Amino acid sequence: MARHKRCEVLWLDAHDATTEAWHDLDEPFDPAPVAVLTRGWLLEHAKEGHVVVAGSLTSDDTVSHVTCIPLGMVKVLETY
């Protein structure tokens, strides 16, 4: 487990712009971004062009709850 760094990633998620099934195009969409904070273990080099974070890591180096975040959506990446 020590070979993987813990990390915290702040990123902007894609989201549904409306709260109803149908939206009148003459009305503006809510432009507010949806910020997400993900914490876990950084899986370096797991997927090109992405920050990959495992939420759970076992002593025999298996992972679960893996999130792949496109680099263009990442605002802050901190490791510790």
PDB file of N, CA and C in Angstrom:
ATOM      1  N   MET A   1       0.804  -1.188   0.000  1.00  0.00           N
ATOM      2  CA  MET A   1       0.000   0.000   0.000  1.00  0.00           C
ATOM      3  C   MET A   1       0.852   1.258   0.000  1.00  0.00           C
ATOM      4  N   ALA A   2       2.045   1.165   0.530  1.00  0.00           N
ATOM      5  CA  ALA A   2       2.888   2.347   0.649  1.00  0.00           C
ATOM      6  C   ALA A   2       3.338   2.890  -0.708  1.00  0.00           C
ATOM      7  N   ARG A   3       3.297   2.067  -1.754  1.00  0.00           N
ATOM      8  CA  ARG A   3       3.770   2.550  -3.054  1.00  0.00           C
ATOM      9  C   ARG A   3       2.784   3.493  -3.722  1.00  0.00           C
ATOM     10  N   HIS A   4       1.561   3.550  -3.220  1.00  0.00           N
ATOM     11  CA  HIS A   4       0.553   4.451  -3.769  1.00  0.00           C
ATOM     12  C   HIS A   4       0.396   5.657  -2.851  1.00  0.00           C
ATOM     13  N   LYS A   5       0.418   6.848  -3.459  1.00  0.00           N
ATOM     14  CA  LYS A   5       0.236   8.079  -2.693  1.00  0.00           C
ATOM     15  C   LYS A   5      -1.247   8.309  -2.454  1.00  0.00           C
ATOM     16  N   ARG A   6      -1.570   8.868  -1.309  1.00  0.00           N
ATOM     17  CA  ARG A   6      -2.933   9.331  -1.069  1.00  0.00           C
ATOM     18  C   ARG A   6      -3.093  10.650  -1.824  1.00  0.00           C
ATOM     19  N   CYS A   7      -4.310  10.925  -2.234  1.00  0.00           N
ATOM     20  CA  CYS A   7      -4.520  12.159  -2.985  1.00  0.00           C
ATOM     21  C   CYS A   7      -5.891  12.747  -2.706  1.00  0.00           C
ATOM     22  N   GLU A   8      -6.009  14.000  -3.102  1.00  0.00           N
ATOM     23  CA  GLU A   8      -7.269  14.724  -3.049  1.00  0.00           C
ATOM     24  C   GLU A   8      -7.370  15.479  -4.372  1.00  0.00           C
ATOM     25  N   VAL A   9      -8.484  15.296  -5.073  1.00  0.00           N
ATOM     26  CA  VAL A   9      -8.674  15.914  -6.382  1.00  0.00           C
ATOM     27  C   VAL A   9      -9.938  16.769  -6.347  1.00  0.00           C
ATOM     28  N   LEU A  10      -9.791  18.029  -6.715  1.00  0.00           N
ATOM     29  CA  LEU A  10     -10.938  18.902  -6.902  1.00  0.00           C
ATOM     30  C   LEU A  10     -11.150  19.012  -8.401  1.00  0.00           C
ATOM     31  N   TRP A  11     -12.358  18.672  -8.842  1.00  0.00           N
ATOM     32  CA  TRP A  11     -12.615  18.660 -10.281  1.00  0.00           C
ATOM     33  C   TRP A  11     -14.039  19.105 -10.579  1.00  0.00           C
ATOM     34  N   LEU A  12     -14.239  19.548 -11.815  1.00  0.00           N
ATOM     35  CA  LEU A  12     -15.556  19.992 -12.260  1.00  0.00           C
ATOM     36  C   LEU A  12     -16.218  18.867 -13.029  1.00  0.00           C
ATOM     37  N   ASP A  13     -17.412  18.497 -12.600  1.00  0.00           N
ATOM     38  CA  ASP A  13     -18.137  17.370 -13.174  1.00  0.00           C
ATOM     39  C   ASP A  13     -19.094  17.849 -14.260  1.00  0.00           C
ATOM     40  N   ALA A  14     -19.313  17.019 -15.246  1.00  0.00           N
ATOM     41  CA  ALA A  14     -20.393  17.261 -16.200  1.00  0.00           C
ATOM     42  C   ALA A  14     -21.700  17.037 -15.448  1.00  0.00           C
ATOM     43  N   HIS A  15     -22.739  17.803 -15.797  1.00  0.00           N
ATOM     44  CA  HIS A  15     -23.977  17.680 -15.044  1.00  0.00           C
ATOM     45  C   HIS A  15     -25.171  18.045 -15.913  1.00  0.00           C
ATOM     46  N   ASP A  16     -26.313  17.638 -15.476  1.00  0.00           N
ATOM     47  CA  ASP A  16     -27.559  17.961 -16.162  1.00  0.00           C
ATOM     48  C   ASP A  16     -27.864  19.433 -15.928  1.00  0.00           C
ATOM     49  N   ALA A  17     -28.132  20.167 -17.001  1.00  0.00           N
ATOM     50  CA  ALA A  17     -28.355  21.611 -16.899  1.00  0.00           C
ATOM     51  C   ALA A  17     -29.783  21.977 -16.527  1.00  0.00           C
ATOM     52  N   THR A  18     -30.678  21.004 -16.541  1.00  0.00           N
ATOM     53  CA  THR A  18     -32.073  21.318 -16.232  1.00  0.00           C
ATOM     54  C   THR A  18     -32.579  20.399 -15.131  1.00  0.00           C
ATOM     55  N   THR A  19     -33.655  20.796 -14.503  1.00  0.00           N
ATOM     56  CA  THR A  19     -34.264  19.965 -13.465  1.00  0.00           C
ATOM     57  C   THR A  19     -35.565  19.338 -13.944  1.00  0.00           C
ATOM     58  N   GLU A  20     -35.953  19.671 -15.162  1.00  0.00           N
ATOM     59  CA  GLU A  20     -37.197  19.154 -15.719  1.00  0.00           C
ATOM     60  C   GLU A  20     -36.890  18.336 -16.969  1.00  0.00           C
ATOM     61  N   ALA A  21     -37.834  17.514 -17.394  1.00  0.00           N
ATOM     62  CA  ALA A  21     -37.636  16.681 -18.571  1.00  0.00           C
ATOM     63  C   ALA A  21     -37.508  17.516 -19.846  1.00  0.00           C
ATOM     64  N   TRP A  22     -38.248  18.619 -19.928  1.00  0.00           N
ATOM     65  CA  TRP A  22     -38.235  19.479 -21.110  1.00  0.00           C
ATOM     66  C   TRP A  22     -37.832  20.888 -20.704  1.00  0.00           C
ATOM     67  N   HIS A  23     -37.036  21.531 -21.549  1.00  0.00           N
ATOM     68  CA  HIS A  23     -36.541  22.869 -21.249  1.00  0.00           C
ATOM     69  C   HIS A  23     -36.759  23.776 -22.461  1.00  0.00           C
ATOM     70  N   ASP A  24     -37.347  24.924 -22.251  1.00  0.00           N
ATOM     71  CA  ASP A  24     -37.557  25.918 -23.304  1.00  0.00           C
ATOM     72  C   ASP A  24     -36.207  26.555 -23.645  1.00  0.00           C
ATOM     73  N   LEU A  25     -35.811  26.486 -24.909  1.00  0.00           N
ATOM     74  CA  LEU A  25     -34.509  27.018 -25.309  1.00  0.00           C
ATOM     75  C   LEU A  25     -34.418  28.531 -25.197  1.00  0.00           C
ATOM     76  N   ASP A  26     -35.538  29.213 -25.014  1.00  0.00           N
ATOM     77  CA  ASP A  26     -35.513  30.661 -24.814  1.00  0.00           C
ATOM     78  C   ASP A  26     -35.134  31.031 -23.375  1.00  0.00           C
ATOM     79  N   GLU A  27     -35.157  30.064 -22.486  1.00  0.00           N
ATOM     80  CA  GLU A  27     -34.771  30.285 -21.103  1.00  0.00           C
ATOM     81  C   GLU A  27     -33.307  29.891 -20.917  1.00  0.00           C
ATOM     82  N   PRO A  28     -32.554  30.665 -20.118  1.00  0.00           N
ATOM     83  CA  PRO A  28     -31.137  30.331 -19.935  1.00  0.00           C
ATOM     84  C   PRO A  28     -30.949  29.048 -19.113  1.00  0.00           C
ATOM     85  N   PHE A  29     -29.831  28.373 -19.363  1.00  0.00           N
ATOM     86  CA  PHE A  29     -29.445  27.220 -18.551  1.00  0.00           C
ATOM     87  C   PHE A  29     -28.655  27.724 -17.352  1.00  0.00           C
ATOM     88  N   ASP A  30     -28.652  26.984 -16.264  1.00  0.00           N
ATOM     89  CA  ASP A  30     -27.865  27.337 -15.094  1.00  0.00           C
ATOM     90  C   ASP A  30     -26.396  27.050 -15.413  1.00  0.00           C
ATOM     91  N   PRO A  31     -25.558  28.081 -15.498  1.00  0.00           N
ATOM     92  CA  PRO A  31     -24.160  27.862 -15.861  1.00  0.00           C
ATOM     93  C   PRO A  31     -23.263  27.461 -14.685  1.00  0.00           C
ATOM     94  N   ALA A  32     -23.818  27.334 -13.494  1.00  0.00           N
ATOM     95  CA  ALA A  32     -22.989  27.039 -12.319  1.00  0.00           C
ATOM     96  C   ALA A  32     -22.303  25.685 -12.452  1.00  0.00           C
ATOM     97  N   PRO A  33     -20.993  25.636 -12.246  1.00  0.00           N
ATOM     98  CA  PRO A  33     -20.285  24.358 -12.315  1.00  0.00           C
ATOM     99  C   PRO A  33     -20.605  23.485 -11.101  1.00  0.00           C
ATOM    100  N   VAL A  34     -20.404  22.201 -11.266  1.00  0.00           N
ATOM    101  CA  VAL A  34     -20.566  21.257 -10.169  1.00  0.00           C
ATOM    102  C   VAL A  34     -19.164  20.803  -9.758  1.00  0.00           C
ATOM    103  N   ALA A  35     -18.702  21.276  -8.604  1.00  0.00           N
ATOM    104  CA  ALA A  35     -17.375  20.925  -8.104  1.00  0.00           C
ATOM    105  C   ALA A  35     -17.469  19.648  -7.275  1.00  0.00           C
ATOM    106  N   VAL A  36     -16.506  18.757  -7.488  1.00  0.00           N
ATOM    107  CA  VAL A  36     -16.472  17.473  -6.786  1.00  0.00           C
ATOM    108  C   VAL A  36     -15.103  17.323  -6.119  1.00  0.00           C
ATOM    109  N   LEU A  37     -15.091  16.817  -4.898  1.00  0.00           N
ATOM    110  CA  LEU A  37     -13.849  16.529  -4.189  1.00  0.00           C
ATOM    111  C   LEU A  37     -13.755  15.016  -4.031  1.00  0.00           C
ATOM    112  N   THR A  38     -12.714  14.429  -4.591  1.00  0.00           N
ATOM    113  CA  THR A  38     -12.502  12.983  -4.518  1.00  0.00           C
ATOM    114  C   THR A  38     -11.204  12.723  -3.765  1.00  0.00           C
ATOM    115  N   ARG A  39     -11.260  11.802  -2.798  1.00  0.00           N
ATOM    116  CA  ARG A  39     -10.078  11.427  -2.017  1.00  0.00           C
ATOM    117  C   ARG A  39      -9.844   9.930  -2.149  1.00  0.00           C
ATOM    118  N   GLY A  40      -8.580   9.540  -2.146  1.00  0.00           N
ATOM    119  CA  GLY A  40      -8.252   8.123  -2.210  1.00  0.00           C
ATOM    120  C   GLY A  40      -6.783   7.923  -2.499  1.00  0.00           C
ATOM    121  N   TRP A  41      -6.483   6.869  -3.263  1.00  0.00           N
ATOM    122  CA  TRP A  41      -5.111   6.537  -3.624  1.00  0.00           C
ATOM    123  C   TRP A  41      -4.922   6.800  -5.106  1.00  0.00           C
ATOM    124  N   LEU A  42      -3.882   7.558  -5.434  1.00  0.00           N
ATOM    125  CA  LEU A  42      -3.582   7.906  -6.809  1.00  0.00           C
ATOM    126  C   LEU A  42      -2.980   6.696  -7.518  1.00  0.00           C
ATOM    127  N   LEU A  43      -3.591   6.302  -8.626  1.00  0.00           N
ATOM    128  CA  LEU A  43      -3.068   5.196  -9.445  1.00  0.00           C
ATOM    129  C   LEU A  43      -2.374   5.810 -10.650  1.00  0.00           C
ATOM    130  N   GLU A  44      -1.098   6.133 -10.439  1.00  0.00           N
ATOM    131  CA  GLU A  44      -0.339   6.807 -11.490  1.00  0.00           C
ATOM    132  C   GLU A  44      -0.195   5.913 -12.717  1.00  0.00           C
ATOM    133  N   HIS A  45      -0.304   6.520 -13.885  1.00  0.00           N
ATOM    134  CA  HIS A  45      -0.132   5.845 -15.180  1.00  0.00           C
ATOM    135  C   HIS A  45      -1.200   4.778 -15.449  1.00  0.00           C
ATOM    136  N   ALA A  46      -2.336   4.853 -14.781  1.00  0.00           N
ATOM    137  CA  ALA A  46      -3.383   3.845 -14.977  1.00  0.00           C
ATOM    138  C   ALA A  46      -4.161   4.075 -16.267  1.00  0.00           C
ATOM    139  N   LYS A  47      -4.380   5.339 -16.631  1.00  0.00           N
ATOM    140  CA  LYS A  47      -5.145   5.643 -17.843  1.00  0.00           C
ATOM    141  C   LYS A  47      -4.655   6.976 -18.388  1.00  0.00           C
ATOM    142  N   GLU A  48      -4.155   6.960 -19.599  1.00  0.00           N
ATOM    143  CA  GLU A  48      -3.604   8.166 -20.210  1.00  0.00           C
ATOM    144  C   GLU A  48      -4.654   9.278 -20.280  1.00  0.00           C
ATOM    145  N   GLY A  49      -4.213  10.490 -19.928  1.00  0.00           N
ATOM    146  CA  GLY A  49      -5.090  11.643 -20.011  1.00  0.00           C
ATOM    147  C   GLY A  49      -6.074  11.771 -18.868  1.00  0.00           C
ATOM    148  N   HIS A  50      -5.903  10.978 -17.818  1.00  0.00           N
ATOM    149  CA  HIS A  50      -6.826  10.971 -16.682  1.00  0.00           C
ATOM    150  C   HIS A  50      -6.063  10.941 -15.361  1.00  0.00           C
ATOM    151  N   VAL A  51      -6.688  11.477 -14.332  1.00  0.00           N
ATOM    152  CA  VAL A  51      -6.260  11.233 -12.960  1.00  0.00           C
ATOM    153  C   VAL A  51      -7.140  10.091 -12.474  1.00  0.00           C
ATOM    154  N   VAL A  52      -6.512   9.009 -12.012  1.00  0.00           N
ATOM    155  CA  VAL A  52      -7.252   7.820 -11.594  1.00  0.00           C
ATOM    156  C   VAL A  52      -7.071   7.634 -10.091  1.00  0.00           C
ATOM    157  N   VAL A  53      -8.205   7.549  -9.392  1.00  0.00           N
ATOM    158  CA  VAL A  53      -8.200   7.478  -7.934  1.00  0.00           C
ATOM    159  C   VAL A  53      -8.971   6.242  -7.486  1.00  0.00           C
ATOM    160  N   ALA A  54      -8.343   5.430  -6.635  1.00  0.00           N
ATOM    161  CA  ALA A  54      -9.015   4.273  -6.035  1.00  0.00           C
ATOM    162  C   ALA A  54      -9.531   4.671  -4.666  1.00  0.00           C
ATOM    163  N   GLY A  55     -10.778   4.361  -4.386  1.00  0.00           N
ATOM    164  CA  GLY A  55     -11.369   4.670  -3.091  1.00  0.00           C
ATOM    165  C   GLY A  55     -10.980   3.665  -2.022  1.00  0.00           C
ATOM    166  N   SER A  56     -10.688   2.441  -2.457  1.00  0.00           N
ATOM    167  CA  SER A  56     -10.280   1.385  -1.522  1.00  0.00           C
ATOM    168  C   SER A  56      -9.082   0.646  -2.103  1.00  0.00           C
ATOM    169  N   LEU A  57      -8.147   0.281  -1.222  1.00  0.00           N
ATOM    170  CA  LEU A  57      -6.917  -0.399  -1.607  1.00  0.00           C
ATOM    171  C   LEU A  57      -6.617  -1.468  -0.564  1.00  0.00           C
ATOM    172  N   THR A  58      -6.409  -2.710  -1.008  1.00  0.00           N
ATOM    173  CA  THR A  58      -6.134  -3.804  -0.073  1.00  0.00           C
ATOM    174  C   THR A  58      -4.638  -4.023   0.102  1.00  0.00           C
ATOM    175  N   SER A  59      -4.272  -4.815   1.105  1.00  0.00           N
ATOM    176  CA  SER A  59      -2.866  -5.101   1.373  1.00  0.00           C
ATOM    177  C   SER A  59      -2.215  -5.926   0.267  1.00  0.00           C
ATOM    178  N   ASP A  60      -3.027  -6.645  -0.538  1.00  0.00           N
ATOM    179  CA  ASP A  60      -2.438  -7.402  -1.658  1.00  0.00           C
ATOM    180  C   ASP A  60      -2.547  -6.627  -2.972  1.00  0.00           C
ATOM    181  N   ASP A  61      -2.719  -5.303  -2.874  1.00  0.00           N
ATOM    182  CA  ASP A  61      -2.672  -4.379  -4.004  1.00  0.00           C
ATOM    183  C   ASP A  61      -3.812  -4.562  -5.003  1.00  0.00           C
ATOM    184  N   THR A  62      -5.014  -4.818  -4.505  1.00  0.00           N
ATOM    185  CA  THR A  62      -6.196  -4.776  -5.353  1.00  0.00           C
ATOM    186  C   THR A  62      -6.990  -3.528  -4.966  1.00  0.00           C
ATOM    187  N   VAL A  63      -7.770  -3.028  -5.910  1.00  0.00           N
ATOM    188  CA  VAL A  63      -8.476  -1.766  -5.685  1.00  0.00           C
ATOM    189  C   VAL A  63      -9.951  -1.894  -6.029  1.00  0.00           C
ATOM    190  N   SER A  64     -10.754  -0.959  -5.508  1.00  0.00           N
ATOM    191  CA  SER A  64     -12.162  -0.849  -5.886  1.00  0.00           C
ATOM    192  C   SER A  64     -12.555   0.623  -5.830  1.00  0.00           C
ATOM    193  N   HIS A  65     -13.779   0.903  -6.277  1.00  0.00           N
ATOM    194  CA  HIS A  65     -14.284   2.280  -6.312  1.00  0.00           C
ATOM    195  C   HIS A  65     -13.306   3.198  -7.039  1.00  0.00           C
ATOM    196  N   VAL A  66     -12.968   2.823  -8.270  1.00  0.00           N
ATOM    197  CA  VAL A  66     -11.988   3.554  -9.065  1.00  0.00           C
ATOM    198  C   VAL A  66     -12.696   4.630  -9.892  1.00  0.00           C
ATOM    199  N   THR A  67     -12.209   5.864  -9.773  1.00  0.00           N
ATOM    200  CA  THR A  67     -12.752   6.997 -10.520  1.00  0.00           C
ATOM    201  C   THR A  67     -11.700   7.494 -11.495  1.00  0.00           C
ATOM    202  N   CYS A  68     -12.076   7.641 -12.761  1.00  0.00           N
ATOM    203  CA  CYS A  68     -11.189   8.156 -13.802  1.00  0.00           C
ATOM    204  C   CYS A  68     -11.662   9.559 -14.172  1.00  0.00           C
ATOM    205  N   ILE A  69     -10.838  10.551 -13.901  1.00  0.00           N
ATOM    206  CA  ILE A  69     -11.200  11.954 -14.101  1.00  0.00           C
ATOM    207  C   ILE A  69     -10.370  12.509 -15.261  1.00  0.00           C
ATOM    208  N   PRO A  70     -11.017  12.950 -16.353  1.00  0.00           N
ATOM    209  CA  PRO A  70     -10.251  13.543 -17.455  1.00  0.00           C
ATOM    210  C   PRO A  70      -9.438  14.749 -16.967  1.00  0.00           C
ATOM    211  N   LEU A  71      -8.192  14.865 -17.436  1.00  0.00           N
ATOM    212  CA  LEU A  71      -7.305  15.933 -16.981  1.00  0.00           C
ATOM    213  C   LEU A  71      -7.911  17.321 -17.165  1.00  0.00           C
ATOM    214  N   GLY A  72      -8.677  17.532 -18.214  1.00  0.00           N
ATOM    215  CA  GLY A  72      -9.272  18.830 -18.465  1.00  0.00           C
ATOM    216  C   GLY A  72     -10.298  19.248 -17.430  1.00  0.00           C
ATOM    217  N   MET A  73     -10.786  18.306 -16.630  1.00  0.00           N
ATOM    218  CA  MET A  73     -11.772  18.610 -15.596  1.00  0.00           C
ATOM    219  C   MET A  73     -11.121  18.869 -14.236  1.00  0.00           C
ATOM    220  N   VAL A  74      -9.842  18.541 -14.104  1.00  0.00           N
ATOM    221  CA  VAL A  74      -9.129  18.664 -12.828  1.00  0.00           C
ATOM    222  C   VAL A  74      -8.737  20.113 -12.568  1.00  0.00           C
ATOM    223  N   LYS A  75      -9.101  20.631 -11.412  1.00  0.00           N
ATOM    224  CA  LYS A  75      -8.719  21.983 -10.996  1.00  0.00           C
ATOM    225  C   LYS A  75      -7.528  21.942 -10.044  1.00  0.00           C
ATOM    226  N   VAL A  76      -7.539  20.995  -9.088  1.00  0.00           N
ATOM    227  CA  VAL A  76      -6.455  20.874  -8.101  1.00  0.00           C
ATOM    228  C   VAL A  76      -6.199  19.406  -7.842  1.00  0.00           C
ATOM    229  N   LEU A  77      -4.934  19.007  -7.832  1.00  0.00           N
ATOM    230  CA  LEU A  77      -4.517  17.651  -7.450  1.00  0.00           C
ATOM    231  C   LEU A  77      -3.434  17.782  -6.390  1.00  0.00           C
ATOM    232  N   GLU A  78      -3.706  17.265  -5.200  1.00  0.00           N
ATOM    233  CA  GLU A  78      -2.729  17.267  -4.128  1.00  0.00           C
ATOM    234  C   GLU A  78      -2.429  15.832  -3.720  1.00  0.00           C
ATOM    235  N   THR A  79      -1.168  15.535  -3.502  1.00  0.00           N
ATOM    236  CA  THR A  79      -0.786  14.209  -3.022  1.00  0.00           C
ATOM    237  C   THR A  79      -0.084  14.360  -1.678  1.00  0.00           C
ATOM    238  N   TYR A  80      -0.174  13.308  -0.879  1.00  0.00           N
ATOM    239  CA  TYR A  80       0.485  13.304   0.433  1.00  0.00           C
ATOM    240  C   TYR A  80       0.801  11.906   0.842  1.00  0.00           C
TER     241      TYR A  80
END
